[in-house]
Amino acid sequence: TYRQTVLTALQEVEDNLILAAQLQQEAQLQRESLEAAQRTLEITL
């Protein structure tokens, strides 16, 4: 149980390391996508 707890802790940190870094970039791309979608909606209307 102790060794599994250590492995789970390592996985948790590794997961959130990659998420914290990549989600920041993903959020910026989503903002750009939203701006393009709103502009497309205005033109289509």
PDB file of all heavy atoms in Angstrom:
ATOM      1  N   THR A   1       0.831  -1.210   0.000  1.00  0.00           N
ATOM      2  CA  THR A   1       0.000   0.000   0.000  1.00  0.00           C
ATOM      3  C   THR A   1       0.860   1.251   0.000  1.00  0.00           C
ATOM      4  O   THR A   1       0.558   2.234  -0.699  1.00  0.00           O
ATOM      5  CB  THR A   1      -0.926  -0.012   1.220  1.00  0.00           C
ATOM      6  OG1 THR A   1      -1.761  -1.181   1.172  1.00  0.00           O
ATOM      7  CG2 THR A   1      -1.809   1.234   1.238  1.00  0.00           C
ATOM      8  N   TYR A   2       1.935   1.233   0.775  1.00  0.00           N
ATOM      9  CA  TYR A   2       2.843   2.380   0.823  1.00  0.00           C
ATOM     10  C   TYR A   2       3.473   2.635  -0.542  1.00  0.00           C
ATOM     11  O   TYR A   2       3.508   3.775  -1.026  1.00  0.00           O
ATOM     12  CB  TYR A   2       3.914   2.122   1.877  1.00  0.00           C
ATOM     13  CG  TYR A   2       5.115   3.011   1.777  1.00  0.00           C
ATOM     14  CD1 TYR A   2       5.024   4.392   1.961  1.00  0.00           C
ATOM     15  CD2 TYR A   2       6.369   2.477   1.488  1.00  0.00           C
ATOM     16  CE1 TYR A   2       6.139   5.208   1.860  1.00  0.00           C
ATOM     17  CE2 TYR A   2       7.485   3.289   1.393  1.00  0.00           C
ATOM     18  CZ  TYR A   2       7.362   4.648   1.584  1.00  0.00           C
ATOM     19  OH  TYR A   2       8.469   5.458   1.472  1.00  0.00           O
ATOM     20  N   ARG A   3       3.962   1.594  -1.177  1.00  0.00           N
ATOM     21  CA  ARG A   3       4.602   1.769  -2.486  1.00  0.00           C
ATOM     22  C   ARG A   3       3.598   2.236  -3.526  1.00  0.00           C
ATOM     23  O   ARG A   3       3.922   3.060  -4.389  1.00  0.00           O
ATOM     24  CB  ARG A   3       5.257   0.447  -2.903  1.00  0.00           C
ATOM     25  CG  ARG A   3       6.474   0.086  -2.041  1.00  0.00           C
ATOM     26  CD  ARG A   3       6.977  -1.303  -2.324  1.00  0.00           C
ATOM     27  NE  ARG A   3       8.177  -1.603  -1.534  1.00  0.00           N
ATOM     28  CZ  ARG A   3       8.690  -2.813  -1.392  1.00  0.00           C
ATOM     29  NH1 ARG A   3       8.111  -3.846  -2.005  1.00  0.00           N
ATOM     30  NH2 ARG A   3       9.780  -2.994  -0.651  1.00  0.00           N
ATOM     31  N   GLN A   4       2.359   1.722  -3.459  1.00  0.00           N
ATOM     32  CA  GLN A   4       1.331   2.166  -4.399  1.00  0.00           C
ATOM     33  C   GLN A   4       0.983   3.628  -4.158  1.00  0.00           C
ATOM     34  O   GLN A   4       0.716   4.381  -5.102  1.00  0.00           O
ATOM     35  CB  GLN A   4       0.090   1.289  -4.260  1.00  0.00           C
ATOM     36  CG  GLN A   4      -1.018   1.620  -5.244  1.00  0.00           C
ATOM     37  CD  GLN A   4      -0.579   1.465  -6.697  1.00  0.00           C
ATOM     38  OE1 GLN A   4       0.077   0.485  -7.054  1.00  0.00           O
ATOM     39  NE2 GLN A   4      -0.920   2.425  -7.533  1.00  0.00           N
ATOM     40  N   THR A   5       0.977   4.051  -2.894  1.00  0.00           N
ATOM     41  CA  THR A   5       0.704   5.450  -2.579  1.00  0.00           C
ATOM     42  C   THR A   5       1.757   6.357  -3.188  1.00  0.00           C
ATOM     43  O   THR A   5       1.455   7.439  -3.715  1.00  0.00           O
ATOM     44  CB  THR A   5       0.644   5.648  -1.060  1.00  0.00           C
ATOM     45  OG1 THR A   5      -0.358   4.791  -0.500  1.00  0.00           O
ATOM     46  CG2 THR A   5       0.311   7.096  -0.703  1.00  0.00           C
ATOM     47  N   VAL A   6       3.020   5.930  -3.126  1.00  0.00           N
ATOM     48  CA  VAL A   6       4.101   6.716  -3.730  1.00  0.00           C
ATOM     49  C   VAL A   6       3.917   6.797  -5.241  1.00  0.00           C
ATOM     50  O   VAL A   6       4.055   7.879  -5.842  1.00  0.00           O
ATOM     51  CB  VAL A   6       5.471   6.099  -3.375  1.00  0.00           C
ATOM     52  CG1 VAL A   6       6.593   6.807  -4.128  1.00  0.00           C
ATOM     53  CG2 VAL A   6       5.719   6.191  -1.882  1.00  0.00           C
ATOM     54  N   LEU A   7       3.598   5.662  -5.864  1.00  0.00           N
ATOM     55  CA  LEU A   7       3.405   5.667  -7.319  1.00  0.00           C
ATOM     56  C   LEU A   7       2.220   6.553  -7.718  1.00  0.00           C
ATOM     57  O   LEU A   7       2.292   7.296  -8.708  1.00  0.00           O
ATOM     58  CB  LEU A   7       3.180   4.239  -7.815  1.00  0.00           C
ATOM     59  CG  LEU A   7       4.377   3.282  -7.734  1.00  0.00           C
ATOM     60  CD1 LEU A   7       3.967   1.879  -8.136  1.00  0.00           C
ATOM     61  CD2 LEU A   7       5.520   3.780  -8.598  1.00  0.00           C
ATOM     62  N   THR A   8       1.138   6.475  -6.951  1.00  0.00           N
ATOM     63  CA  THR A   8      -0.022   7.313  -7.248  1.00  0.00           C
ATOM     64  C   THR A   8       0.312   8.794  -7.098  1.00  0.00           C
ATOM     65  O   THR A   8      -0.135   9.633  -7.890  1.00  0.00           O
ATOM     66  CB  THR A   8      -1.184   6.940  -6.324  1.00  0.00           C
ATOM     67  OG1 THR A   8      -1.490   5.541  -6.484  1.00  0.00           O
ATOM     68  CG2 THR A   8      -2.421   7.758  -6.640  1.00  0.00           C
ATOM     69  N   ALA A   9       1.116   9.130  -6.074  1.00  0.00           N
ATOM     70  CA  ALA A   9       1.522  10.526  -5.887  1.00  0.00           C
ATOM     71  C   ALA A   9       2.374  11.004  -7.058  1.00  0.00           C
ATOM     72  O   ALA A   9       2.212  12.132  -7.536  1.00  0.00           O
ATOM     73  CB  ALA A   9       2.293  10.663  -4.574  1.00  0.00           C
ATOM     74  N   LEU A  10       3.276  10.150  -7.521  1.00  0.00           N
ATOM     75  CA  LEU A  10       4.100  10.513  -8.674  1.00  0.00           C
ATOM     76  C   LEU A  10       3.228  10.734  -9.910  1.00  0.00           C
ATOM     77  O   LEU A  10       3.426  11.697 -10.668  1.00  0.00           O
ATOM     78  CB  LEU A  10       5.129   9.416  -8.949  1.00  0.00           C
ATOM     79  CG  LEU A  10       6.280   9.289  -7.950  1.00  0.00           C
ATOM     80  CD1 LEU A  10       7.090   8.035  -8.229  1.00  0.00           C
ATOM     81  CD2 LEU A  10       7.180  10.519  -8.015  1.00  0.00           C
ATOM     82  N   GLN A  11       2.252   9.850 -10.114  1.00  0.00           N
ATOM     83  CA  GLN A  11       1.357  10.004 -11.260  1.00  0.00           C
ATOM     84  C   GLN A  11       0.569  11.303 -11.166  1.00  0.00           C
ATOM     85  O   GLN A  11       0.390  12.011 -12.161  1.00  0.00           O
ATOM     86  CB  GLN A  11       0.398   8.817 -11.339  1.00  0.00           C
ATOM     87  CG  GLN A  11      -0.603   8.924 -12.488  1.00  0.00           C
ATOM     88  CD  GLN A  11      -1.659   7.837 -12.447  1.00  0.00           C
ATOM     89  OE1 GLN A  11      -1.662   7.018 -11.541  1.00  0.00           O
ATOM     90  NE2 GLN A  11      -2.556   7.848 -13.408  1.00  0.00           N
ATOM     91  N   GLU A  12       0.080  11.624  -9.944  1.00  0.00           N
ATOM     92  CA  GLU A  12      -0.707  12.840  -9.766  1.00  0.00           C
ATOM     93  C   GLU A  12       0.097  14.080 -10.119  1.00  0.00           C
ATOM     94  O   GLU A  12      -0.394  14.987 -10.796  1.00  0.00           O
ATOM     95  CB  GLU A  12      -1.207  12.925  -8.324  1.00  0.00           C
ATOM     96  CG  GLU A  12      -2.148  14.085  -8.072  1.00  0.00           C
ATOM     97  CD  GLU A  12      -2.621  14.136  -6.640  1.00  0.00           C
ATOM     98  OE1 GLU A  12      -1.786  14.391  -5.759  1.00  0.00           O
ATOM     99  OE2 GLU A  12      -3.825  13.922  -6.394  1.00  0.00           O
ATOM    100  N   VAL A  13       1.347  14.118  -9.667  1.00  0.00           N
ATOM    101  CA  VAL A  13       2.184  15.278  -9.963  1.00  0.00           C
ATOM    102  C   VAL A  13       2.510  15.340 -11.447  1.00  0.00           C
ATOM    103  O   VAL A  13       2.451  16.405 -12.073  1.00  0.00           O
ATOM    104  CB  VAL A  13       3.465  15.234  -9.119  1.00  0.00           C
ATOM    105  CG1 VAL A  13       4.411  16.360  -9.516  1.00  0.00           C
ATOM    106  CG2 VAL A  13       3.127  15.355  -7.640  1.00  0.00           C
ATOM    107  N   GLU A  14       2.861  14.190 -12.037  1.00  0.00           N
ATOM    108  CA  GLU A  14       3.184  14.169 -13.464  1.00  0.00           C
ATOM    109  C   GLU A  14       1.976  14.622 -14.297  1.00  0.00           C
ATOM    110  O   GLU A  14       2.120  15.404 -15.244  1.00  0.00           O
ATOM    111  CB  GLU A  14       3.619  12.763 -13.879  1.00  0.00           C
ATOM    112  CG  GLU A  14       4.912  12.263 -13.253  1.00  0.00           C
ATOM    113  CD  GLU A  14       6.142  12.833 -13.919  1.00  0.00           C
ATOM    114  OE1 GLU A  14       6.010  13.764 -14.744  1.00  0.00           O
ATOM    115  OE2 GLU A  14       7.253  12.361 -13.626  1.00  0.00           O
ATOM    116  N   ASP A  15       0.782  14.109 -13.930  1.00  0.00           N
ATOM    117  CA  ASP A  15      -0.426  14.475 -14.678  1.00  0.00           C
ATOM    118  C   ASP A  15      -0.673  15.975 -14.626  1.00  0.00           C
ATOM    119  O   ASP A  15      -0.955  16.613 -15.661  1.00  0.00           O
ATOM    120  CB  ASP A  15      -1.641  13.731 -14.119  1.00  0.00           C
ATOM    121  CG  ASP A  15      -1.600  12.246 -14.419  1.00  0.00           C
ATOM    122  OD1 ASP A  15      -0.772  11.839 -15.257  1.00  0.00           O
ATOM    123  OD2 ASP A  15      -2.386  11.497 -13.803  1.00  0.00           O
ATOM    124  N   ASN A  16      -0.576  16.531 -13.441  1.00  0.00           N
ATOM    125  CA  ASN A  16      -0.889  17.953 -13.297  1.00  0.00           C
ATOM    126  C   ASN A  16       0.234  18.846 -13.789  1.00  0.00           C
ATOM    127  O   ASN A  16      -0.006  20.015 -14.112  1.00  0.00           O
ATOM    128  CB  ASN A  16      -1.238  18.257 -11.844  1.00  0.00           C
ATOM    129  CG  ASN A  16      -2.571  17.666 -11.438  1.00  0.00           C
ATOM    130  OD1 ASN A  16      -3.616  18.172 -11.799  1.00  0.00           O
ATOM    131  ND2 ASN A  16      -2.527  16.560 -10.718  1.00  0.00           N
ATOM    132  N   LEU A  17       1.453  18.328 -13.850  1.00  0.00           N
ATOM    133  CA  LEU A  17       2.533  19.086 -14.486  1.00  0.00           C
ATOM    134  C   LEU A  17       2.224  19.325 -15.960  1.00  0.00           C
ATOM    135  O   LEU A  17       2.318  20.453 -16.459  1.00  0.00           O
ATOM    136  CB  LEU A  17       3.860  18.332 -14.346  1.00  0.00           C
ATOM    137  CG  LEU A  17       4.667  18.537 -13.072  1.00  0.00           C
ATOM    138  CD1 LEU A  17       5.877  17.616 -13.065  1.00  0.00           C
ATOM    139  CD2 LEU A  17       5.107  19.982 -12.940  1.00  0.00           C
ATOM    140  N   ILE A  18       1.850  18.253 -16.653  1.00  0.00           N
ATOM    141  CA  ILE A  18       1.573  18.380 -18.076  1.00  0.00           C
ATOM    142  C   ILE A  18       0.286  19.160 -18.306  1.00  0.00           C
ATOM    143  O   ILE A  18       0.188  19.974 -19.247  1.00  0.00           O
ATOM    144  CB  ILE A  18       1.499  16.982 -18.745  1.00  0.00           C
ATOM    145  CG1 ILE A  18       1.416  17.105 -20.255  1.00  0.00           C
ATOM    146  CG2 ILE A  18       0.368  16.159 -18.193  1.00  0.00           C
ATOM    147  CD1 ILE A  18       2.648  17.670 -20.898  1.00  0.00           C
ATOM    148  N   LEU A  19      -0.728  18.969 -17.426  1.00  0.00           N
ATOM    149  CA  LEU A  19      -1.986  19.694 -17.598  1.00  0.00           C
ATOM    150  C   LEU A  19      -1.809  21.184 -17.368  1.00  0.00           C
ATOM    151  O   LEU A  19      -2.331  22.007 -18.130  1.00  0.00           O
ATOM    152  CB  LEU A  19      -3.033  19.133 -16.638  1.00  0.00           C
ATOM    153  CG  LEU A  19      -3.646  17.774 -16.996  1.00  0.00           C
ATOM    154  CD1 LEU A  19      -4.565  17.290 -15.901  1.00  0.00           C
ATOM    155  CD2 LEU A  19      -4.387  17.852 -18.324  1.00  0.00           C
ATOM    156  N   ALA A  20      -1.074  21.550 -16.314  1.00  0.00           N
ATOM    157  CA  ALA A  20      -0.900  22.971 -16.011  1.00  0.00           C
ATOM    158  C   ALA A  20      -0.208  23.700 -17.153  1.00  0.00           C
ATOM    159  O   ALA A  20      -0.501  24.868 -17.433  1.00  0.00           O
ATOM    160  CB  ALA A  20      -0.119  23.145 -14.716  1.00  0.00           C
ATOM    161  N   ALA A  21       0.717  23.011 -17.796  1.00  0.00           N
ATOM    162  CA  ALA A  21       1.454  23.647 -18.886  1.00  0.00           C
ATOM    163  C   ALA A  21       0.649  23.680 -20.178  1.00  0.00           C
ATOM    164  O   ALA A  21       0.564  24.712 -20.853  1.00  0.00           O
ATOM    165  CB  ALA A  21       2.775  22.925 -19.105  1.00  0.00           C
ATOM    166  N   GLN A  22       0.034  22.549 -20.525  1.00  0.00           N
ATOM    167  CA  GLN A  22      -0.645  22.454 -21.808  1.00  0.00           C
ATOM    168  C   GLN A  22      -1.997  23.157 -21.804  1.00  0.00           C
ATOM    169  O   GLN A  22      -2.419  23.713 -22.825  1.00  0.00           O
ATOM    170  CB  GLN A  22      -0.825  20.982 -22.194  1.00  0.00           C
ATOM    171  CG  GLN A  22       0.482  20.242 -22.407  1.00  0.00           C
ATOM    172  CD  GLN A  22       1.321  20.879 -23.506  1.00  0.00           C
ATOM    173  OE1 GLN A  22       0.808  21.298 -24.539  1.00  0.00           O
ATOM    174  NE2 GLN A  22       2.633  20.943 -23.279  1.00  0.00           N
ATOM    175  N   LEU A  23      -2.688  23.155 -20.665  1.00  0.00           N
ATOM    176  CA  LEU A  23      -4.000  23.799 -20.633  1.00  0.00           C
ATOM    177  C   LEU A  23      -3.884  25.310 -20.765  1.00  0.00           C
ATOM    178  O   LEU A  23      -4.823  25.960 -21.262  1.00  0.00           O
ATOM    179  CB  LEU A  23      -4.734  23.433 -19.339  1.00  0.00           C
ATOM    180  CG  LEU A  23      -5.261  21.997 -19.275  1.00  0.00           C
ATOM    181  CD1 LEU A  23      -5.860  21.710 -17.912  1.00  0.00           C
ATOM    182  CD2 LEU A  23      -6.294  21.755 -20.369  1.00  0.00           C
ATOM    183  N   GLN A  24      -2.790  25.873 -20.321  1.00  0.00           N
ATOM    184  CA  GLN A  24      -2.599  27.303 -20.529  1.00  0.00           C
ATOM    185  C   GLN A  24      -2.520  27.624 -22.014  1.00  0.00           C
ATOM    186  O   GLN A  24      -3.130  28.586 -22.493  1.00  0.00           O
ATOM    187  CB  GLN A  24      -1.326  27.768 -19.803  1.00  0.00           C
ATOM    188  CG  GLN A  24      -1.072  29.262 -19.902  1.00  0.00           C
ATOM    189  CD  GLN A  24       0.157  29.684 -19.108  1.00  0.00           C
ATOM    190  OE1 GLN A  24       0.867  28.847 -18.551  1.00  0.00           O
ATOM    191  NE2 GLN A  24       0.412  30.977 -19.062  1.00  0.00           N
ATOM    192  N   GLN A  25      -1.768  26.807 -22.747  1.00  0.00           N
ATOM    193  CA  GLN A  25      -1.689  26.991 -24.189  1.00  0.00           C
ATOM    194  C   GLN A  25      -3.030  26.670 -24.853  1.00  0.00           C
ATOM    195  O   GLN A  25      -3.463  27.372 -25.781  1.00  0.00           O
ATOM    196  CB  GLN A  25      -0.592  26.096 -24.754  1.00  0.00           C
ATOM    197  CG  GLN A  25      -0.417  26.207 -26.263  1.00  0.00           C
ATOM    198  CD  GLN A  25       0.687  25.283 -26.769  1.00  0.00           C
ATOM    199  OE1 GLN A  25       1.330  24.562 -25.999  1.00  0.00           O
ATOM    200  NE2 GLN A  25       0.902  25.292 -28.068  1.00  0.00           N
ATOM    201  N   GLU A  26      -3.702  25.628 -24.364  1.00  0.00           N
ATOM    202  CA  GLU A  26      -5.000  25.258 -24.937  1.00  0.00           C
ATOM    203  C   GLU A  26      -6.030  26.368 -24.721  1.00  0.00           C
ATOM    204  O   GLU A  26      -6.845  26.648 -25.615  1.00  0.00           O
ATOM    205  CB  GLU A  26      -5.488  23.964 -24.297  1.00  0.00           C
ATOM    206  CG  GLU A  26      -6.812  23.457 -24.853  1.00  0.00           C
ATOM    207  CD  GLU A  26      -7.239  22.153 -24.216  1.00  0.00           C
ATOM    208  OE1 GLU A  26      -6.382  21.460 -23.634  1.00  0.00           O
ATOM    209  OE2 GLU A  26      -8.439  21.837 -24.297  1.00  0.00           O
ATOM    210  N   ALA A  27      -6.008  27.008 -23.556  1.00  0.00           N
ATOM    211  CA  ALA A  27      -6.948  28.095 -23.290  1.00  0.00           C
ATOM    212  C   ALA A  27      -6.742  29.256 -24.259  1.00  0.00           C
ATOM    213  O   ALA A  27      -7.705  29.864 -24.742  1.00  0.00           O
ATOM    214  CB  ALA A  27      -6.816  28.569 -21.847  1.00  0.00           C
ATOM    215  N   GLN A  28      -5.482  29.561 -24.564  1.00  0.00           N
ATOM    216  CA  GLN A  28      -5.210  30.636 -25.511  1.00  0.00           C
ATOM    217  C   GLN A  28      -5.730  30.279 -26.905  1.00  0.00           C
ATOM    218  O   GLN A  28      -6.330  31.124 -27.599  1.00  0.00           O
ATOM    219  CB  GLN A  28      -3.700  30.913 -25.556  1.00  0.00           C
ATOM    220  CG  GLN A  28      -3.296  32.016 -26.507  1.00  0.00           C
ATOM    221  CD  GLN A  28      -3.959  33.356 -26.189  1.00  0.00           C
ATOM    222  OE1 GLN A  28      -4.181  33.671 -25.030  1.00  0.00           O
ATOM    223  NE2 GLN A  28      -4.287  34.129 -27.220  1.00  0.00           N
ATOM    224  N   LEU A  29      -5.558  29.034 -27.308  1.00  0.00           N
ATOM    225  CA  LEU A  29      -6.064  28.599 -28.614  1.00  0.00           C
ATOM    226  C   LEU A  29      -7.589  28.623 -28.631  1.00  0.00           C
ATOM    227  O   LEU A  29      -8.199  28.979 -29.659  1.00  0.00           O
ATOM    228  CB  LEU A  29      -5.552  27.196 -28.927  1.00  0.00           C
ATOM    229  CG  LEU A  29      -4.026  27.067 -29.133  1.00  0.00           C
ATOM    230  CD1 LEU A  29      -3.632  25.608 -29.299  1.00  0.00           C
ATOM    231  CD2 LEU A  29      -3.589  27.884 -30.344  1.00  0.00           C
ATOM    232  N   GLN A  30      -8.208  28.274 -27.508  1.00  0.00           N
ATOM    233  CA  GLN A  30      -9.668  28.313 -27.440  1.00  0.00           C
ATOM    234  C   GLN A  30     -10.179  29.752 -27.547  1.00  0.00           C
ATOM    235  O   GLN A  30     -11.225  30.004 -28.160  1.00  0.00           O
ATOM    236  CB  GLN A  30     -10.149  27.688 -26.133  1.00  0.00           C
ATOM    237  CG  GLN A  30      -9.985  26.169 -26.049  1.00  0.00           C
ATOM    238  CD  GLN A  30     -11.011  25.432 -26.897  1.00  0.00           C
ATOM    239  OE1 GLN A  30     -11.871  26.040 -27.547  1.00  0.00           O
ATOM    240  NE2 GLN A  30     -10.905  24.118 -26.915  1.00  0.00           N
ATOM    241  N   ARG A  31      -9.468  30.705 -26.979  1.00  0.00           N
ATOM    242  CA  ARG A  31      -9.868  32.114 -27.104  1.00  0.00           C
ATOM    243  C   ARG A  31      -9.809  32.566 -28.559  1.00  0.00           C
ATOM    244  O   ARG A  31     -10.713  33.253 -29.050  1.00  0.00           O
ATOM    245  CB  ARG A  31      -8.968  32.997 -26.237  1.00  0.00           C
ATOM    246  CG  ARG A  31      -9.138  32.805 -24.736  1.00  0.00           C
ATOM    247  CD  ARG A  31      -8.346  33.845 -23.965  1.00  0.00           C
ATOM    248  NE  ARG A  31      -8.371  33.572 -22.538  1.00  0.00           N
ATOM    249  CZ  ARG A  31      -7.454  32.864 -21.885  1.00  0.00           C
ATOM    250  NH1 ARG A  31      -6.414  32.370 -22.559  1.00  0.00           N
ATOM    251  NH2 ARG A  31      -7.559  32.663 -20.593  1.00  0.00           N
ATOM    252  N   GLU A  32      -8.747  32.181 -29.229  1.00  0.00           N
ATOM    253  CA  GLU A  32      -8.623  32.543 -30.634  1.00  0.00           C
ATOM    254  C   GLU A  32      -9.722  31.880 -31.462  1.00  0.00           C
ATOM    255  O   GLU A  32     -10.283  32.492 -32.387  1.00  0.00           O
ATOM    256  CB  GLU A  32      -7.246  32.148 -31.151  1.00  0.00           C
ATOM    257  CG  GLU A  32      -6.101  32.901 -30.463  1.00  0.00           C
ATOM    258  CD  GLU A  32      -4.739  32.386 -30.882  1.00  0.00           C
ATOM    259  OE1 GLU A  32      -4.687  31.446 -31.717  1.00  0.00           O
ATOM    260  OE2 GLU A  32      -3.715  32.906 -30.380  1.00  0.00           O
ATOM    261  N   SER A  33     -10.032  30.624 -31.117  1.00  0.00           N
ATOM    262  CA  SER A  33     -11.111  29.921 -31.829  1.00  0.00           C
ATOM    263  C   SER A  33     -12.446  30.599 -31.592  1.00  0.00           C
ATOM    264  O   SER A  33     -13.271  30.733 -32.514  1.00  0.00           O
ATOM    265  CB  SER A  33     -11.158  28.460 -31.380  1.00  0.00           C
ATOM    266  OG  SER A  33     -12.270  27.793 -31.940  1.00  0.00           O
ATOM    267  N   LEU A  34     -12.694  31.052 -30.350  1.00  0.00           N
ATOM    268  CA  LEU A  34     -13.945  31.726 -30.032  1.00  0.00           C
ATOM    269  C   LEU A  34     -14.063  33.048 -30.791  1.00  0.00           C
ATOM    270  O   LEU A  34     -15.140  33.376 -31.314  1.00  0.00           O
ATOM    271  CB  LEU A  34     -14.031  31.964 -28.520  1.00  0.00           C
ATOM    272  CG  LEU A  34     -15.241  32.748 -28.025  1.00  0.00           C
ATOM    273  CD1 LEU A  34     -16.543  32.040 -28.411  1.00  0.00           C
ATOM    274  CD2 LEU A  34     -15.166  32.973 -26.524  1.00  0.00           C
ATOM    275  N   GLU A  35     -12.978  33.785 -30.868  1.00  0.00           N
ATOM    276  CA  GLU A  35     -13.008  35.045 -31.608  1.00  0.00           C
ATOM    277  C   GLU A  35     -13.348  34.810 -33.078  1.00  0.00           C
ATOM    278  O   GLU A  35     -14.153  35.547 -33.672  1.00  0.00           O
ATOM    279  CB  GLU A  35     -11.662  35.748 -31.480  1.00  0.00           C
ATOM    280  CG  GLU A  35     -11.368  36.254 -30.071  1.00  0.00           C
ATOM    281  CD  GLU A  35      -9.976  36.842 -29.969  1.00  0.00           C
ATOM    282  OE1 GLU A  35      -9.249  36.834 -30.992  1.00  0.00           O
ATOM    283  OE2 GLU A  35      -9.602  37.309 -28.869  1.00  0.00           O
ATOM    284  N   ALA A  36     -12.741  33.772 -33.650  1.00  0.00           N
ATOM    285  CA  ALA A  36     -13.035  33.455 -35.049  1.00  0.00           C
ATOM    286  C   ALA A  36     -14.481  33.011 -35.227  1.00  0.00           C
ATOM    287  O   ALA A  36     -15.160  33.392 -36.200  1.00  0.00           O
ATOM    288  CB  ALA A  36     -12.078  32.380 -35.550  1.00  0.00           C
ATOM    289  N   ALA A  37     -14.999  32.218 -34.276  1.00  0.00           N
ATOM    290  CA  ALA A  37     -16.379  31.742 -34.382  1.00  0.00           C
ATOM    291  C   ALA A  37     -17.369  32.899 -34.246  1.00  0.00           C
ATOM    292  O   ALA A  37     -18.386  32.953 -34.965  1.00  0.00           O
ATOM    293  CB  ALA A  37     -16.647  30.686 -33.312  1.00  0.00           C
ATOM    294  N   GLN A  38     -17.101  33.822 -33.339  1.00  0.00           N
ATOM    295  CA  GLN A  38     -17.991  34.980 -33.190  1.00  0.00           C
ATOM    296  C   GLN A  38     -17.962  35.875 -34.423  1.00  0.00           C
ATOM    297  O   GLN A  38     -18.997  36.396 -34.844  1.00  0.00           O
ATOM    298  CB  GLN A  38     -17.589  35.767 -31.940  1.00  0.00           C
ATOM    299  CG  GLN A  38     -17.874  35.029 -30.619  1.00  0.00           C
ATOM    300  CD  GLN A  38     -17.361  35.770 -29.414  1.00  0.00           C
ATOM    301  OE1 GLN A  38     -16.457  36.617 -29.524  1.00  0.00           O
ATOM    302  NE2 GLN A  38     -17.911  35.473 -28.242  1.00  0.00           N
ATOM    303  N   ARG A  39     -16.784  36.046 -35.025  1.00  0.00           N
ATOM    304  CA  ARG A  39     -16.698  36.844 -36.246  1.00  0.00           C
ATOM    305  C   ARG A  39     -17.434  36.162 -37.386  1.00  0.00           C
ATOM    306  O   ARG A  39     -18.151  36.812 -38.179  1.00  0.00           O
ATOM    307  CB  ARG A  39     -15.228  37.052 -36.612  1.00  0.00           C
ATOM    308  CG  ARG A  39     -15.006  37.866 -37.869  1.00  0.00           C
ATOM    309  CD  ARG A  39     -15.665  39.216 -37.776  1.00  0.00           C
ATOM    310  NE  ARG A  39     -15.462  40.013 -38.990  1.00  0.00           N
ATOM    311  CZ  ARG A  39     -16.206  41.044 -39.339  1.00  0.00           C
ATOM    312  NH1 ARG A  39     -17.234  41.425 -38.567  1.00  0.00           N
ATOM    313  NH2 ARG A  39     -15.954  41.717 -40.447  1.00  0.00           N
ATOM    314  N   THR A  40     -17.307  34.831 -37.469  1.00  0.00           N
ATOM    315  CA  THR A  40     -18.029  34.082 -38.507  1.00  0.00           C
ATOM    316  C   THR A  40     -19.535  34.215 -38.328  1.00  0.00           C
ATOM    317  O   THR A  40     -20.290  34.343 -39.313  1.00  0.00           O
ATOM    318  CB  THR A  40     -17.616  32.598 -38.452  1.00  0.00           C
ATOM    319  OG1 THR A  40     -16.208  32.485 -38.649  1.00  0.00           O
ATOM    320  CG2 THR A  40     -18.359  31.781 -39.498  1.00  0.00           C
ATOM    321  N   LEU A  41     -19.999  34.188 -37.068  1.00  0.00           N
ATOM    322  CA  LEU A  41     -21.424  34.311 -36.799  1.00  0.00           C
ATOM    323  C   LEU A  41     -21.946  35.683 -37.240  1.00  0.00           C
ATOM    324  O   LEU A  41     -23.022  35.781 -37.847  1.00  0.00           O
ATOM    325  CB  LEU A  41     -21.690  34.102 -35.309  1.00  0.00           C
ATOM    326  CG  LEU A  41     -23.140  34.301 -34.843  1.00  0.00           C
ATOM    327  CD1 LEU A  41     -24.081  33.362 -35.590  1.00  0.00           C
ATOM    328  CD2 LEU A  41     -23.241  34.110 -33.343  1.00  0.00           C
ATOM    329  N   GLU A  42     -21.185  36.725 -36.981  1.00  0.00           N
ATOM    330  CA  GLU A  42     -21.601  38.065 -37.391  1.00  0.00           C
ATOM    331  C   GLU A  42     -21.731  38.157 -38.911  1.00  0.00           C
ATOM    332  O   GLU A  42     -22.721  38.689 -39.445  1.00  0.00           O
ATOM    333  CB  GLU A  42     -20.603  39.101 -36.879  1.00  0.00           C
ATOM    334  CG  GLU A  42     -20.565  39.225 -35.361  1.00  0.00           C
ATOM    335  CD  GLU A  42     -19.465  40.161 -34.904  1.00  0.00           C
ATOM    336  OE1 GLU A  42     -18.721  40.678 -35.779  1.00  0.00           O
ATOM    337  OE2 GLU A  42     -19.314  40.366 -33.683  1.00  0.00           O
ATOM    338  N   ILE A  43     -20.752  37.608 -39.612  1.00  0.00           N
ATOM    339  CA  ILE A  43     -20.786  37.657 -41.075  1.00  0.00           C
ATOM    340  C   ILE A  43     -21.952  36.832 -41.621  1.00  0.00           C
ATOM    341  O   ILE A  43     -22.666  37.253 -42.549  1.00  0.00           O
ATOM    342  CB  ILE A  43     -19.447  37.161 -41.657  1.00  0.00           C
ATOM    343  CG1 ILE A  43     -18.313  38.111 -41.241  1.00  0.00           C
ATOM    344  CG2 ILE A  43     -19.520  37.020 -43.170  1.00  0.00           C
ATOM    345  CD1 ILE A  43     -16.929  37.626 -41.644  1.00  0.00           C
ATOM    346  N   THR A  44     -22.175  35.659 -41.033  1.00  0.00           N
ATOM    347  CA  THR A  44     -23.252  34.782 -41.502  1.00  0.00           C
ATOM    348  C   THR A  44     -24.620  35.418 -41.283  1.00  0.00           C
ATOM    349  O   THR A  44     -25.531  35.302 -42.129  1.00  0.00           O
ATOM    350  CB  THR A  44     -23.164  33.414 -40.795  1.00  0.00           C
ATOM    351  OG1 THR A  44     -21.859  32.857 -40.981  1.00  0.00           O
ATOM    352  CG2 THR A  44     -24.197  32.447 -41.349  1.00  0.00           C
ATOM    353  N   LEU A  45     -24.801  36.069 -40.136  1.00  0.00           N
ATOM    354  CA  LEU A  45     -26.074  36.743 -39.883  1.00  0.00           C
ATOM    355  C   LEU A  45     -26.316  37.863 -40.899  1.00  0.00           C
ATOM    356  O   LEU A  45     -27.453  38.042 -41.395  1.00  0.00           O
ATOM    357  CB  LEU A  45     -26.087  37.308 -38.463  1.00  0.00           C
ATOM    358  CG  LEU A  45     -26.327  36.288 -37.336  1.00  0.00           C
ATOM    359  CD1 LEU A  45     -26.152  36.945 -35.963  1.00  0.00           C
ATOM    360  CD2 LEU A  45     -27.738  35.686 -37.452  1.00  0.00           C
TER     361      LEU A  45
END
